[in-house]
């Protein structure tokens, strides 16, 4: 197929102008019907030939051709006028460069000869120059090891509650919904937890657990941290002591002592029996 395409493309100009025999025309027409690429190339050649024929049939107005020839000749003259000085300038520059590089070595030789001739000749013995002692090695102190950064002291937080069971249940529920606090938990035995949150997150956490009890911490130190800085904290839960009045009211009443029985009447004194007289 590639050979047939090459043969057809080579014969397309002759086929377009009708300079082929009948059998060759039939062969090319059969290939053009089956090959899209060769057919498109044939159409392009055909349109190009039609355009050329159309341009030939156009008769230009009188004087157009003569004016075009005159303009072309004028451009040629202008080109000669413009480019001739450039050629001359280029020739001059090349000549100057060649002359400069040709005469420069001779000038250097002459200058060197003059320097040698005018240099004073001395017969004094040359004293050897003592060698310069090598400089003492400079001791370089070893670099100091970088001191480890001091860890930030955690912020102590105290939650004072009256009902510890309700407070534990509420705080654990809030911490369960946080990604960093979900592993922490208060219980009857665990009353202290530690973690780290940013100042903004810690303030939000305090606002949510505020109904569980009274929260105490150093507000001056807390406000000194930026809102995006991570702050370690230690949170401790304590139960508020009950008032003495509440203790007295909650205490059970003591049993009343039994009433003392009334004192028995005193017994009559014993008297000796009176003897009877007979």
Protein backbone atom coordinates (compact mmCIF):
# COMPACT_ATOMS: atom_id res chain seq x y z
CA UNK A 1 0.00 0.00 0.00
CA UNK A 2 2.87 2.38 0.70
CA UNK A 3 4.35 1.75 -2.74
CA UNK A 4 0.98 2.41 -4.38
CA UNK A 5 0.63 5.69 -2.42
CA UNK A 6 4.13 6.83 -3.41
CA UNK A 7 3.45 5.99 -7.06
CA UNK A 8 0.10 7.83 -7.00
CA UNK A 9 1.48 10.98 -5.32
CA UNK A 10 4.30 11.12 -7.84
CA UNK A 11 1.87 10.86 -10.79
CA UNK A 12 -0.76 13.28 -9.42
CA UNK A 13 0.54 16.40 -11.31
CA UNK A 14 0.48 14.53 -14.63
CA UNK A 15 -2.95 13.08 -13.82
CA UNK A 16 -4.25 16.54 -12.99
CA UNK A 17 -3.17 17.94 -16.37
CA UNK A 18 -4.25 14.83 -18.32
CA UNK A 19 -0.76 13.69 -19.36
CA UNK A 20 -1.26 9.96 -18.55
CA UNK A 21 -2.46 6.98 -20.56
CA UNK A 22 -5.90 5.50 -20.00
CA UNK A 23 -4.73 2.46 -17.99
CA UNK A 24 -2.61 4.64 -15.69
CA UNK A 25 -5.54 7.02 -15.14
CA UNK A 26 -7.80 4.09 -14.17
CA UNK A 27 -5.19 2.81 -11.72
CA UNK A 28 -4.82 6.23 -10.06
CA UNK A 29 -8.57 6.79 -9.87
CA UNK A 30 -9.05 3.38 -8.23
CA UNK A 31 -6.41 4.22 -5.62
CA UNK A 32 -7.87 7.67 -4.94
CA UNK A 33 -11.25 6.08 -4.17
CA UNK A 34 -9.66 3.76 -1.59
CA UNK A 35 -7.00 6.07 -0.02
CA UNK A 36 -8.18 9.14 1.89
CA UNK A 37 -4.71 10.71 2.24
CA UNK A 38 -3.92 10.61 -1.47
CA UNK A 39 -7.42 11.86 -2.27
CA UNK A 40 -6.96 14.90 0.02
CA UNK A 41 -3.59 15.64 -1.57
CA UNK A 42 -5.19 15.45 -5.02
CA UNK A 43 -7.90 17.91 -3.95
CA UNK A 44 -5.29 20.33 -2.63
CA UNK A 45 -3.35 20.21 -5.92
CA UNK A 46 -6.58 20.70 -7.81
CA UNK A 47 -7.55 23.80 -5.80
CA UNK A 48 -4.05 25.23 -6.18
CA UNK A 49 -4.19 24.77 -9.96
CA UNK A 50 -7.62 26.41 -10.13
CA UNK A 51 -6.38 29.40 -8.11
CA UNK A 52 -3.37 29.87 -10.40
CA UNK A 53 -5.61 29.72 -13.46
CA UNK A 54 -7.96 32.26 -11.92
CA UNK A 55 -5.09 34.65 -11.22
CA UNK A 56 -3.86 34.32 -14.78
CA UNK A 57 -7.27 35.20 -16.18
CA UNK A 58 -7.42 38.46 -14.21
CA UNK A 59 -6.38 41.42 -16.36
CA UNK A 60 -4.67 44.10 -14.23
CA UNK A 61 -5.45 47.78 -14.86
CA UNK A 62 -3.20 49.75 -17.11
CA UNK A 63 0.02 50.97 -15.53
CA UNK A 64 -0.09 48.60 -12.51
CA UNK A 65 2.60 46.28 -13.82
CA UNK A 66 4.84 49.19 -14.75
CA UNK A 67 4.47 50.77 -11.31
CA UNK A 68 5.28 47.47 -9.64
CA UNK A 69 8.44 47.09 -11.70
CA UNK A 70 9.50 50.64 -10.88
CA UNK A 71 8.93 50.07 -7.16
CA UNK A 72 10.97 46.86 -7.24
CA UNK A 73 13.85 48.59 -9.02
CA UNK A 74 13.65 51.48 -6.52
CA UNK A 75 13.91 49.04 -3.61
CA UNK A 76 16.94 47.41 -5.17
CA UNK A 77 18.68 50.79 -5.53
CA UNK A 78 17.81 51.72 -1.94
CA UNK A 79 19.23 48.40 -0.76
CA UNK A 80 22.51 49.09 -2.51
CA UNK A 81 22.70 52.59 -1.04
CA UNK A 82 22.00 51.35 2.49
CA UNK A 83 24.26 48.32 2.54
CA UNK A 84 27.30 49.84 0.80
CA UNK A 85 28.40 52.00 3.80
CA UNK A 86 27.95 49.01 6.09
CA UNK A 87 30.30 46.95 3.96
CA UNK A 88 32.84 49.74 3.95
CA UNK A 89 32.62 50.14 7.73
CA UNK A 90 33.08 46.39 8.20
CA UNK A 91 36.16 46.36 6.01
CA UNK A 92 37.67 49.29 7.94
CA UNK A 93 37.04 47.60 11.31
CA UNK A 94 38.64 44.35 10.16
CA UNK A 95 41.68 46.22 8.84
CA UNK A 96 42.13 48.09 12.12
CA UNK A 97 41.91 44.89 14.15
CA UNK A 98 44.43 43.10 11.96
CA UNK A 99 46.85 46.04 12.12
CA UNK A 100 46.52 46.29 15.89
CA UNK A 101 47.21 42.63 16.54
CA UNK A 102 50.04 42.60 13.99
CA UNK A 103 51.91 45.55 15.50
CA UNK A 104 51.24 44.82 19.19
CA UNK A 105 53.94 42.10 19.63
CA UNK A 106 56.58 44.36 18.06
CA UNK A 107 55.73 47.21 20.42
CA UNK A 108 55.99 44.87 23.40
CA UNK A 109 59.40 43.62 22.29
CA UNK A 110 60.67 47.19 21.91
CA UNK A 111 59.40 48.15 25.37
CA UNK A 112 61.03 45.10 26.97
CA UNK A 113 64.36 45.91 25.33
CA UNK A 114 64.21 49.48 26.65
CA UNK A 115 63.46 48.25 30.18
CA UNK A 116 66.41 45.83 30.12
CA UNK A 117 68.82 48.47 28.81
CA UNK A 118 67.83 51.13 31.35
CA UNK A 119 67.84 48.79 34.38
CA UNK A 120 70.82 49.54 36.78
CA UNK A 121 73.40 46.77 37.17
CA UNK A 122 74.52 46.18 40.77
CA UNK A 123 77.49 43.99 41.79
CA UNK A 124 76.70 43.94 45.53
CA UNK A 125 76.32 40.47 47.00
CA UNK A 126 72.81 39.44 47.53
CA UNK A 127 72.08 38.70 51.17
CA UNK A 128 69.80 35.75 51.66
CA UNK A 129 66.49 36.55 53.17
CA UNK A 130 65.85 34.53 56.32
CA UNK A 131 62.81 32.32 56.06
CA UNK A 132 59.71 33.63 57.67
CA UNK A 133 58.71 31.55 60.68
CA UNK A 134 55.47 29.74 60.32
CA UNK A 135 52.66 31.25 62.34
CA UNK A 136 51.71 29.43 65.51
CA UNK A 137 48.60 27.36 65.20
CA UNK A 138 45.55 29.09 66.52
CA UNK A 139 43.61 27.02 68.99
CA UNK A 140 39.98 26.95 68.15
CA UNK A 141 37.65 26.39 71.05
CA UNK A 142 35.27 23.52 70.51
CA UNK A 143 31.73 24.64 69.80
CA UNK A 144 29.45 24.67 72.78
CA UNK A 145 26.78 22.11 72.84
CA UNK A 146 23.37 23.58 72.46
CA UNK A 147 21.53 23.62 75.72
CA UNK A 148 18.26 21.75 75.57
CA UNK A 149 15.23 23.96 75.57
CA UNK A 150 13.53 24.10 78.92
CA UNK A 151 10.20 22.37 79.01
CA UNK A 152 7.24 24.61 79.71
CA UNK A 153 5.80 24.22 83.18
CA UNK A 154 2.23 22.89 82.98
CA UNK A 155 -0.66 25.15 83.93
CA UNK A 156 -2.30 23.91 87.16
CA UNK A 157 -6.11 23.80 86.94
CA UNK A 158 -8.43 22.95 89.83
CA UNK A 159 -12.11 21.95 89.48
CA UNK A 160 -14.02 22.32 92.75
CA UNK A 161 -17.34 20.47 92.65
CA UNK A 162 -20.02 19.57 95.15
CA UNK A 163 -21.35 16.49 93.36
CA UNK A 164 -18.28 14.64 92.17
CA UNK A 165 -20.14 11.83 90.41
CA UNK A 166 -22.22 14.20 88.26
CA UNK A 167 -19.13 16.32 87.53
CA UNK A 168 -17.08 13.25 86.54
CA UNK A 169 -19.84 12.07 84.20
CA UNK A 170 -20.19 15.47 82.52
CA UNK A 171 -16.45 16.13 82.11
CA UNK A 172 -15.78 12.61 80.76
CA UNK A 173 -18.56 13.04 78.22
CA UNK A 174 -17.06 16.32 76.98
CA UNK A 175 -13.53 14.86 76.78
CA UNK A 176 -14.80 11.83 74.85
CA UNK A 177 -15.79 14.12 71.97
CA UNK A 178 -12.31 15.71 71.68
CA UNK A 179 -9.58 14.10 69.56
CA UNK A 180 -6.73 14.72 72.02
CA UNK A 181 -8.64 14.27 75.28
CA UNK A 182 -10.67 11.15 74.49
CA UNK A 183 -8.10 8.91 76.20
CA UNK A 184 -8.26 10.87 79.47
CA UNK A 185 -10.90 10.09 82.08
CA UNK A 186 -11.78 10.93 85.68
CA UNK A 187 -13.01 8.22 88.01
CA UNK A 188 -13.53 7.57 91.72
CA UNK A 189 -9.83 6.77 92.05
CA UNK A 190 -8.37 9.01 89.33
CA UNK A 191 -8.80 12.66 90.31
CA UNK A 192 -5.92 14.18 88.32
CA UNK A 193 -5.25 14.19 84.54
CA UNK A 194 -2.68 15.95 82.34
CA UNK A 195 -2.55 16.89 78.67
CA UNK A 196 -1.82 19.74 76.26
CA UNK A 197 -4.09 22.00 74.19
CA UNK A 198 -3.79 25.34 72.50
CA UNK A 199 -4.92 28.38 74.46
CA UNK A 200 -8.01 28.74 72.29
CA UNK A 201 -9.01 25.06 72.68
CA UNK A 202 -8.34 25.14 76.42
CA UNK A 203 -10.58 28.17 76.89
CA UNK A 204 -13.37 26.45 74.94
CA UNK A 205 -12.94 23.35 77.12
CA UNK A 206 -13.19 25.44 80.29
CA UNK A 207 -16.42 27.05 79.07
CA UNK A 208 -17.99 23.64 78.40
CA UNK A 209 -17.13 22.09 81.75
CA UNK A 210 -17.98 25.22 83.76
CA UNK A 211 -21.40 23.85 84.88
CA UNK A 212 -19.62 20.87 86.48
CA UNK A 213 -17.85 23.00 89.07
CA UNK A 214 -15.73 26.03 89.81
CA UNK A 215 -12.55 26.22 87.64
CA UNK A 216 -9.48 27.87 89.15
CA UNK A 217 -6.22 28.68 87.32
CA UNK A 218 -3.75 31.56 86.89
CA UNK A 219 -5.56 33.87 84.48
CA UNK A 220 -2.58 36.24 84.24
CA UNK A 221 -0.32 33.45 83.04
CA UNK A 222 -3.00 32.05 80.75
CA UNK A 223 -3.53 35.42 79.03
CA UNK A 224 0.22 35.74 78.38
CA UNK A 225 0.12 32.80 75.91
CA UNK A 226 -0.79 33.34 72.23
CA UNK A 227 -4.06 31.74 71.16
CA UNK A 228 -2.29 29.24 68.86
CA UNK A 229 0.41 28.15 71.36
CA UNK A 230 0.17 24.69 72.86
CA UNK A 231 -0.10 24.80 76.67
CA UNK A 232 0.48 21.76 78.90
CA UNK A 233 -1.91 21.52 81.83
CA UNK A 234 -2.56 19.43 84.93
CA UNK A 235 -6.23 19.27 85.91
CA UNK A 236 -7.21 18.20 89.41
CA UNK A 237 -10.72 17.60 90.74
CA UNK A 238 -11.59 18.18 94.40
CA UNK A 239 -14.85 18.03 96.33
CA UNK A 240 -15.94 21.22 98.08
CA UNK A 241 -16.09 20.82 101.89
CA UNK A 242 -19.57 21.01 103.34
CA UNK A 243 -20.50 23.89 105.72
CA UNK A 244 -20.79 23.14 109.47
CA UNK A 245 -24.50 24.09 109.45
CA UNK A 246 -25.13 21.52 106.73
CA UNK A 247 -23.23 18.95 108.78
CA UNK A 248 -25.35 19.67 111.84
CA UNK A 249 -28.58 19.44 109.81
CA UNK A 250 -27.49 16.28 108.07
CA UNK A 251 -26.42 14.61 111.34
CA UNK A 252 -28.98 12.26 112.91
CA UNK A 253 -30.61 13.46 116.18
CA UNK A 254 -29.17 11.77 119.26
CA UNK A 255 -31.57 9.55 121.21
CA UNK A 256 -33.13 11.25 124.25
CA UNK A 257 -32.01 9.87 127.65
CA UNK A 258 -34.61 7.89 129.60
CA UNK A 259 -36.56 9.93 132.18
CA UNK A 260 -35.55 9.25 135.79
CA UNK A 261 -38.21 7.54 137.86
CA UNK A 262 -39.76 9.42 140.76
CA UNK A 263 -38.06 8.83 144.12
CA UNK A 264 -39.74 6.33 146.35
CA UNK A 265 -41.25 7.67 149.61
CA UNK A 266 -39.02 7.17 152.62
CA UNK A 267 -39.72 4.10 154.72
CA UNK A 268 -41.14 4.73 158.27
CA UNK A 269 -38.67 4.42 161.09
CA UNK A 270 -38.53 1.16 162.92
CA UNK A 271 -39.87 1.41 166.56
CA UNK A 272 -39.71 -1.19 169.28
CA UNK A 273 -43.02 -2.85 170.15
CA UNK A 274 -44.73 -1.49 173.20
CA UNK A 275 -44.99 -4.09 175.98
CA UNK A 276 -48.46 -4.87 177.05
CA UNK A 277 -49.29 -4.65 180.89
CA UNK A 278 -51.21 -7.45 182.28
